[in-house]
Amino acid sequence: MRSADGKELRWVAGEVYDLLAASADFCKDLELGAILTETKTAAEERELNDPANAFPIDDVPAPVTQPQATETIGHEIERLRTESRITVELLSELVDLDPSTVSRHQTGDLKPSLRNLGRYDRVLSKLLGRKIVIGKTQ
């Protein structure tokens, strides 16, 4: 089989799967970028239309919720998801887990694996614009 530019194409078992997985990851990154842009634009618009901000102060950081000393991993995931202003369904899509699994992680019915904690850290860090390490305070 030859490509459009005449180069020979060879398929080896596993390469198609890797290509599909890379494509899915790329699509998720694009979607996350679009969500971040949309969220930022909506927040800026709300801020501009708020009468309390008649004299805006530049570079005022967004309020950050602080973890409590006795906060569980599940509560931390829920707090950060709420702070990100996204639903359980959207978070589950972004971390590539079933919504019921994310819900069980939040309630503490199921302890997330290290791999899943890494997924939460990566997605929530991008959404919140700061480094997130879930469970670090415990």
N, C-alpha and C. Protein backbone atom coordinates (compact mmCIF):
# COMPACT_ATOMS: atom_id res chain seq x y z
N MET A 1 0.85 -1.16 0.00
CA MET A 1 0.00 0.00 0.00
C MET A 1 0.90 1.22 0.00
N ARG A 2 0.50 2.27 -0.74
CA ARG A 2 1.30 3.49 -0.84
C ARG A 2 0.46 4.70 -0.43
N SER A 3 1.13 5.69 0.17
CA SER A 3 0.46 6.92 0.57
C SER A 3 0.30 7.82 -0.65
N ALA A 4 -0.37 8.97 -0.44
CA ALA A 4 -0.62 9.90 -1.53
C ALA A 4 0.68 10.43 -2.14
N ASP A 5 1.74 10.54 -1.35
CA ASP A 5 3.01 11.04 -1.88
C ASP A 5 3.92 9.93 -2.38
N GLY A 6 3.41 8.72 -2.48
CA GLY A 6 4.14 7.60 -3.06
C GLY A 6 4.98 6.79 -2.09
N LYS A 7 4.99 7.16 -0.82
CA LYS A 7 5.76 6.40 0.16
C LYS A 7 5.04 5.11 0.50
N GLU A 8 5.84 4.06 0.72
CA GLU A 8 5.25 2.77 1.06
C GLU A 8 4.76 2.78 2.50
N LEU A 9 3.53 2.30 2.71
CA LEU A 9 2.97 2.21 4.05
C LEU A 9 3.01 0.76 4.50
N ARG A 10 3.48 0.56 5.73
CA ARG A 10 3.49 -0.79 6.29
C ARG A 10 2.82 -0.73 7.64
N TRP A 11 1.99 -1.70 7.92
CA TRP A 11 1.27 -1.76 9.18
C TRP A 11 1.83 -2.90 10.01
N VAL A 12 2.15 -2.59 11.23
CA VAL A 12 2.64 -3.59 12.17
C VAL A 12 1.63 -3.66 13.30
N ALA A 13 1.37 -4.87 13.77
CA ALA A 13 0.38 -5.04 14.83
C ALA A 13 0.69 -4.11 15.99
N GLY A 14 -0.32 -3.40 16.46
CA GLY A 14 -0.16 -2.51 17.60
C GLY A 14 -0.03 -1.05 17.21
N GLU A 15 0.49 -0.77 16.02
CA GLU A 15 0.67 0.61 15.60
C GLU A 15 -0.66 1.32 15.38
N VAL A 16 -1.64 0.61 14.85
CA VAL A 16 -2.95 1.22 14.63
C VAL A 16 -3.57 1.57 15.97
N TYR A 17 -3.45 0.67 16.93
CA TYR A 17 -3.98 0.95 18.27
C TYR A 17 -3.31 2.17 18.86
N ASP A 18 -1.96 2.25 18.76
CA ASP A 18 -1.23 3.39 19.29
C ASP A 18 -1.67 4.68 18.61
N LEU A 19 -1.91 4.62 17.32
CA LEU A 19 -2.36 5.80 16.59
C LEU A 19 -3.74 6.23 17.08
N LEU A 20 -4.62 5.27 17.31
CA LEU A 20 -5.97 5.60 17.79
C LEU A 20 -5.91 6.18 19.20
N ALA A 21 -5.09 5.60 20.04
CA ALA A 21 -4.96 6.10 21.41
C ALA A 21 -4.38 7.52 21.40
N ALA A 22 -3.36 7.75 20.57
CA ALA A 22 -2.77 9.09 20.47
C ALA A 22 -3.79 10.09 19.94
N SER A 23 -4.58 9.65 18.98
CA SER A 23 -5.61 10.53 18.41
C SER A 23 -6.65 10.88 19.47
N ALA A 24 -7.06 9.90 20.27
CA ALA A 24 -8.04 10.15 21.33
C ALA A 24 -7.48 11.11 22.37
N ASP A 25 -6.21 10.94 22.75
CA ASP A 25 -5.58 11.85 23.71
C ASP A 25 -5.51 13.27 23.15
N PHE A 26 -5.17 13.38 21.86
CA PHE A 26 -5.10 14.69 21.22
C PHE A 26 -6.46 15.36 21.23
N CYS A 27 -7.52 14.60 20.93
CA CYS A 27 -8.87 15.15 20.93
C CYS A 27 -9.27 15.62 22.32
N LYS A 28 -8.91 14.86 23.35
CA LYS A 28 -9.23 15.25 24.73
C LYS A 28 -8.50 16.54 25.09
N ASP A 29 -7.24 16.67 24.67
CA ASP A 29 -6.50 17.90 24.94
C ASP A 29 -7.13 19.09 24.24
N LEU A 30 -7.57 18.89 23.00
CA LEU A 30 -8.25 19.97 22.27
C LEU A 30 -9.54 20.37 22.98
N GLU A 31 -10.30 19.37 23.41
CA GLU A 31 -11.57 19.65 24.09
C GLU A 31 -11.32 20.38 25.41
N LEU A 32 -10.32 19.94 26.15
CA LEU A 32 -10.00 20.60 27.41
C LEU A 32 -9.58 22.04 27.16
N GLY A 33 -8.80 22.27 26.12
CA GLY A 33 -8.40 23.64 25.77
C GLY A 33 -9.60 24.50 25.43
N ALA A 34 -10.56 23.94 24.69
CA ALA A 34 -11.77 24.69 24.34
C ALA A 34 -12.59 25.00 25.59
N ILE A 35 -12.69 24.04 26.50
CA ILE A 35 -13.43 24.26 27.74
C ILE A 35 -12.77 25.35 28.57
N LEU A 36 -11.44 25.30 28.66
CA LEU A 36 -10.72 26.32 29.42
C LEU A 36 -10.95 27.70 28.82
N THR A 37 -10.88 27.81 27.50
CA THR A 37 -11.10 29.09 26.83
C THR A 37 -12.52 29.58 27.06
N GLU A 38 -13.49 28.67 26.92
CA GLU A 38 -14.89 29.04 27.12
C GLU A 38 -15.15 29.49 28.55
N THR A 39 -14.60 28.77 29.51
CA THR A 39 -14.77 29.11 30.91
C THR A 39 -14.14 30.46 31.22
N LYS A 40 -12.94 30.68 30.70
CA LYS A 40 -12.24 31.95 30.94
C LYS A 40 -13.02 33.10 30.32
N THR A 41 -13.50 32.92 29.09
CA THR A 41 -14.26 33.98 28.41
C THR A 41 -15.55 34.29 29.16
N ALA A 42 -16.26 33.26 29.60
CA ALA A 42 -17.51 33.46 30.34
C ALA A 42 -17.24 34.18 31.66
N ALA A 43 -16.17 33.79 32.35
CA ALA A 43 -15.83 34.43 33.62
C ALA A 43 -15.46 35.90 33.41
N GLU A 44 -14.70 36.18 32.36
CA GLU A 44 -14.32 37.56 32.07
C GLU A 44 -15.56 38.39 31.73
N GLU A 45 -16.47 37.80 30.98
CA GLU A 45 -17.70 38.52 30.62
C GLU A 45 -18.54 38.82 31.86
N ARG A 46 -18.69 37.83 32.75
CA ARG A 46 -19.44 38.04 33.99
C ARG A 46 -18.79 39.15 34.82
N GLU A 47 -17.47 39.12 34.87
CA GLU A 47 -16.75 40.11 35.66
C GLU A 47 -16.94 41.51 35.08
N LEU A 48 -16.90 41.63 33.78
CA LEU A 48 -17.07 42.94 33.14
C LEU A 48 -18.48 43.48 33.34
N ASN A 49 -19.48 42.60 33.39
CA ASN A 49 -20.87 43.03 33.53
C ASN A 49 -21.30 43.21 34.98
N ASP A 50 -20.45 42.86 35.91
CA ASP A 50 -20.79 42.97 37.33
C ASP A 50 -20.61 44.41 37.80
N PRO A 51 -21.67 45.07 38.30
CA PRO A 51 -21.56 46.46 38.74
C PRO A 51 -20.55 46.64 39.88
N ALA A 52 -20.32 45.61 40.63
CA ALA A 52 -19.36 45.70 41.73
C ALA A 52 -17.94 45.93 41.22
N ASN A 53 -17.74 45.64 39.94
CA ASN A 53 -16.41 45.78 39.34
C ASN A 53 -16.31 47.05 38.49
N ALA A 54 -16.95 48.11 38.91
CA ALA A 54 -16.94 49.35 38.14
C ALA A 54 -15.52 49.89 37.98
N PHE A 55 -14.68 49.68 39.00
CA PHE A 55 -13.29 50.09 38.93
C PHE A 55 -12.43 48.83 39.09
N PRO A 56 -12.27 48.04 38.00
CA PRO A 56 -11.56 46.76 38.12
C PRO A 56 -10.08 46.95 38.48
N ILE A 57 -9.61 46.04 39.27
CA ILE A 57 -8.20 46.02 39.64
C ILE A 57 -7.55 44.90 38.86
N ASP A 58 -6.51 45.22 38.11
CA ASP A 58 -5.82 44.23 37.30
C ASP A 58 -5.04 43.26 38.18
N ASP A 59 -4.88 42.07 37.64
CA ASP A 59 -4.06 41.03 38.27
C ASP A 59 -4.54 40.60 39.65
N VAL A 60 -5.84 40.64 39.89
CA VAL A 60 -6.37 40.13 41.14
C VAL A 60 -6.56 38.62 40.97
N PRO A 61 -5.88 37.81 41.76
CA PRO A 61 -6.01 36.36 41.59
C PRO A 61 -7.40 35.87 41.97
N ALA A 62 -7.81 34.79 41.31
CA ALA A 62 -9.10 34.18 41.63
C ALA A 62 -9.03 33.59 43.03
N PRO A 63 -10.16 33.59 43.73
CA PRO A 63 -10.14 33.01 45.07
C PRO A 63 -9.82 31.52 45.01
N VAL A 64 -9.02 31.08 45.93
CA VAL A 64 -8.59 29.68 45.98
C VAL A 64 -9.14 29.08 47.26
N THR A 65 -9.84 27.95 47.11
CA THR A 65 -10.33 27.27 48.30
C THR A 65 -9.18 26.50 48.92
N GLN A 66 -9.10 26.54 50.22
CA GLN A 66 -8.02 25.89 50.94
C GLN A 66 -8.47 24.52 51.46
N PRO A 67 -7.61 23.51 51.31
CA PRO A 67 -7.96 22.21 51.86
C PRO A 67 -7.97 22.24 53.37
N GLN A 68 -8.88 21.50 53.96
CA GLN A 68 -8.93 21.41 55.41
C GLN A 68 -8.02 20.28 55.86
N ALA A 69 -7.56 20.35 57.07
CA ALA A 69 -6.59 19.37 57.57
C ALA A 69 -7.14 17.95 57.54
N THR A 70 -8.45 17.78 57.75
CA THR A 70 -9.04 16.45 57.79
C THR A 70 -9.76 16.08 56.50
N GLU A 71 -9.49 16.79 55.41
CA GLU A 71 -10.17 16.56 54.14
C GLU A 71 -9.72 15.24 53.53
N THR A 72 -10.69 14.42 53.13
CA THR A 72 -10.37 13.15 52.48
C THR A 72 -10.06 13.40 51.01
N ILE A 73 -9.48 12.40 50.35
CA ILE A 73 -9.19 12.51 48.92
C ILE A 73 -10.48 12.76 48.15
N GLY A 74 -11.55 12.07 48.52
CA GLY A 74 -12.83 12.25 47.85
C GLY A 74 -13.36 13.66 47.98
N HIS A 75 -13.28 14.21 49.19
CA HIS A 75 -13.73 15.59 49.40
C HIS A 75 -12.84 16.57 48.64
N GLU A 76 -11.56 16.26 48.56
CA GLU A 76 -10.63 17.13 47.83
C GLU A 76 -10.97 17.14 46.34
N ILE A 77 -11.26 15.97 45.78
CA ILE A 77 -11.65 15.89 44.37
C ILE A 77 -12.94 16.68 44.14
N GLU A 78 -13.89 16.51 45.04
CA GLU A 78 -15.17 17.22 44.90
C GLU A 78 -14.98 18.74 45.03
N ARG A 79 -14.16 19.16 46.00
CA ARG A 79 -13.92 20.60 46.20
C ARG A 79 -13.26 21.21 44.96
N LEU A 80 -12.26 20.52 44.42
CA LEU A 80 -11.56 21.04 43.25
C LEU A 80 -12.47 21.03 42.01
N ARG A 81 -13.31 20.01 41.87
CA ARG A 81 -14.26 19.95 40.75
C ARG A 81 -15.24 21.12 40.85
N THR A 82 -15.74 21.37 42.04
CA THR A 82 -16.68 22.48 42.26
C THR A 82 -15.98 23.81 41.99
N GLU A 83 -14.76 23.95 42.47
CA GLU A 83 -13.99 25.18 42.22
C GLU A 83 -13.76 25.38 40.73
N SER A 84 -13.62 24.29 39.98
CA SER A 84 -13.43 24.37 38.52
C SER A 84 -14.73 24.67 37.79
N ARG A 85 -15.85 24.56 38.51
CA ARG A 85 -17.19 24.81 37.95
C ARG A 85 -17.52 23.85 36.81
N ILE A 86 -17.22 22.57 37.04
CA ILE A 86 -17.59 21.56 36.05
C ILE A 86 -18.42 20.48 36.73
N THR A 87 -19.16 19.75 35.94
CA THR A 87 -20.02 18.69 36.46
C THR A 87 -19.22 17.40 36.63
N VAL A 88 -19.81 16.46 37.35
CA VAL A 88 -19.20 15.14 37.51
C VAL A 88 -19.06 14.49 36.14
N GLU A 89 -20.09 14.67 35.30
CA GLU A 89 -20.08 14.06 33.96
C GLU A 89 -18.92 14.59 33.13
N LEU A 90 -18.70 15.90 33.16
CA LEU A 90 -17.61 16.47 32.37
C LEU A 90 -16.26 16.04 32.93
N LEU A 91 -16.11 16.04 34.25
CA LEU A 91 -14.86 15.59 34.85
C LEU A 91 -14.58 14.14 34.48
N SER A 92 -15.63 13.31 34.53
CA SER A 92 -15.44 11.90 34.21
C SER A 92 -14.99 11.73 32.76
N GLU A 93 -15.51 12.57 31.87
CA GLU A 93 -15.11 12.50 30.46
C GLU A 93 -13.66 12.94 30.30
N LEU A 94 -13.27 13.99 31.00
CA LEU A 94 -11.91 14.52 30.88
C LEU A 94 -10.86 13.58 31.46
N VAL A 95 -11.21 12.84 32.52
CA VAL A 95 -10.26 11.89 33.11
C VAL A 95 -10.46 10.48 32.57
N ASP A 96 -11.38 10.33 31.63
CA ASP A 96 -11.64 9.04 30.96
C ASP A 96 -12.06 7.95 31.94
N LEU A 97 -13.02 8.30 32.80
CA LEU A 97 -13.59 7.35 33.74
C LEU A 97 -15.11 7.42 33.64
N ASP A 98 -15.78 6.40 34.12
CA ASP A 98 -17.22 6.39 34.14
C ASP A 98 -17.71 7.39 35.18
N PRO A 99 -18.82 8.12 34.90
CA PRO A 99 -19.33 9.08 35.88
C PRO A 99 -19.60 8.47 37.26
N SER A 100 -20.07 7.22 37.28
CA SER A 100 -20.34 6.59 38.57
C SER A 100 -19.04 6.34 39.35
N THR A 101 -17.94 6.10 38.64
CA THR A 101 -16.65 5.90 39.30
C THR A 101 -16.18 7.21 39.93
N VAL A 102 -16.30 8.32 39.18
CA VAL A 102 -15.91 9.63 39.72
C VAL A 102 -16.76 9.96 40.94
N SER A 103 -18.05 9.68 40.85
CA SER A 103 -18.95 9.93 41.97
C SER A 103 -18.55 9.09 43.19
N ARG A 104 -18.21 7.83 42.96
CA ARG A 104 -17.78 6.96 44.07
C ARG A 104 -16.46 7.43 44.66
N HIS A 105 -15.56 7.98 43.81
CA HIS A 105 -14.30 8.54 44.33
C HIS A 105 -14.61 9.73 45.24
N GLN A 106 -15.55 10.58 44.82
CA GLN A 106 -15.89 11.77 45.60
C GLN A 106 -16.53 11.43 46.93
N THR A 107 -17.37 10.40 46.95
CA THR A 107 -18.05 10.03 48.19
C THR A 107 -17.18 9.19 49.11
N GLY A 108 -16.07 8.68 48.60
CA GLY A 108 -15.19 7.84 49.40
C GLY A 108 -15.57 6.37 49.37
N ASP A 109 -16.58 6.02 48.55
CA ASP A 109 -16.96 4.61 48.43
C ASP A 109 -15.89 3.80 47.71
N LEU A 110 -15.06 4.48 46.91
CA LEU A 110 -14.00 3.81 46.14
C LEU A 110 -12.77 4.69 46.20
N LYS A 111 -11.64 4.09 46.59
CA LYS A 111 -10.39 4.85 46.65
C LYS A 111 -9.77 4.86 45.25
N PRO A 112 -9.44 6.06 44.70
CA PRO A 112 -8.86 6.12 43.36
C PRO A 112 -7.44 5.53 43.34
N SER A 113 -7.11 4.89 42.24
CA SER A 113 -5.76 4.35 42.07
C SER A 113 -4.79 5.51 41.85
N LEU A 114 -3.50 5.23 41.94
CA LEU A 114 -2.49 6.27 41.70
C LEU A 114 -2.61 6.80 40.27
N ARG A 115 -2.92 5.91 39.34
CA ARG A 115 -3.09 6.32 37.94
C ARG A 115 -4.25 7.31 37.82
N ASN A 116 -5.37 7.00 38.47
CA ASN A 116 -6.53 7.89 38.42
C ASN A 116 -6.25 9.21 39.15
N LEU A 117 -5.50 9.17 40.25
CA LEU A 117 -5.14 10.41 40.95
C LEU A 117 -4.30 11.30 40.02
N GLY A 118 -3.41 10.68 39.25
CA GLY A 118 -2.61 11.44 38.29
C GLY A 118 -3.49 12.09 37.23
N ARG A 119 -4.52 11.37 36.79
CA ARG A 119 -5.45 11.94 35.80
C ARG A 119 -6.18 13.14 36.39
N TYR A 120 -6.67 12.99 37.63
CA TYR A 120 -7.35 14.11 38.29
C TYR A 120 -6.40 15.30 38.43
N ASP A 121 -5.17 15.03 38.88
CA ASP A 121 -4.18 16.10 39.06
C ASP A 121 -3.96 16.86 37.75
N ARG A 122 -3.77 16.13 36.66
CA ARG A 122 -3.47 16.75 35.36
C ARG A 122 -4.64 17.61 34.88
N VAL A 123 -5.84 17.05 34.91
CA VAL A 123 -7.02 17.77 34.40
C VAL A 123 -7.36 18.97 35.27
N LEU A 124 -7.38 18.78 36.58
CA LEU A 124 -7.74 19.88 37.48
C LEU A 124 -6.66 20.97 37.50
N SER A 125 -5.39 20.59 37.32
CA SER A 125 -4.33 21.59 37.22
C SER A 125 -4.54 22.48 36.00
N LYS A 126 -4.91 21.87 34.87
CA LYS A 126 -5.17 22.66 33.66
C LYS A 126 -6.39 23.56 33.84
N LEU A 127 -7.44 23.02 34.43
CA LEU A 127 -8.67 23.80 34.61
C LEU A 127 -8.47 24.97 35.56
N LEU A 128 -7.71 24.75 36.63
CA LEU A 128 -7.55 25.78 37.66
C LEU A 128 -6.33 26.67 37.43
N GLY A 129 -5.46 26.29 36.52
CA GLY A 129 -4.30 27.11 36.21
C GLY A 129 -3.24 27.11 37.29
N ARG A 130 -3.20 26.06 38.09
CA ARG A 130 -2.16 25.93 39.11
C ARG A 130 -1.89 24.44 39.33
N LYS A 131 -0.77 24.14 39.94
CA LYS A 131 -0.37 22.75 40.18
C LYS A 131 -1.25 22.15 41.26
N ILE A 132 -1.89 21.03 40.94
CA ILE A 132 -2.73 20.31 41.88
C ILE A 132 -2.10 18.95 42.14
N VAL A 133 -1.98 18.59 43.41
CA VAL A 133 -1.52 17.26 43.80
C VAL A 133 -2.51 16.76 44.85
N ILE A 134 -3.42 15.93 44.43
CA ILE A 134 -4.48 15.44 45.32
C ILE A 134 -3.87 14.47 46.34
N GLY A 135 -4.26 14.67 47.61
CA GLY A 135 -3.78 13.79 48.67
C GLY A 135 -2.48 14.23 49.27
N LYS A 136 -1.86 15.29 48.77
CA LYS A 136 -0.59 15.77 49.27
C LYS A 136 -0.69 16.33 50.69
N THR A 137 -1.88 16.85 51.03
CA THR A 137 -2.06 17.48 52.34
C THR A 137 -2.30 16.45 53.44
N GLN A 138 -2.40 15.20 53.07
CA GLN A 138 -2.72 14.17 54.08
C GLN A 138 -1.51 13.46 54.58
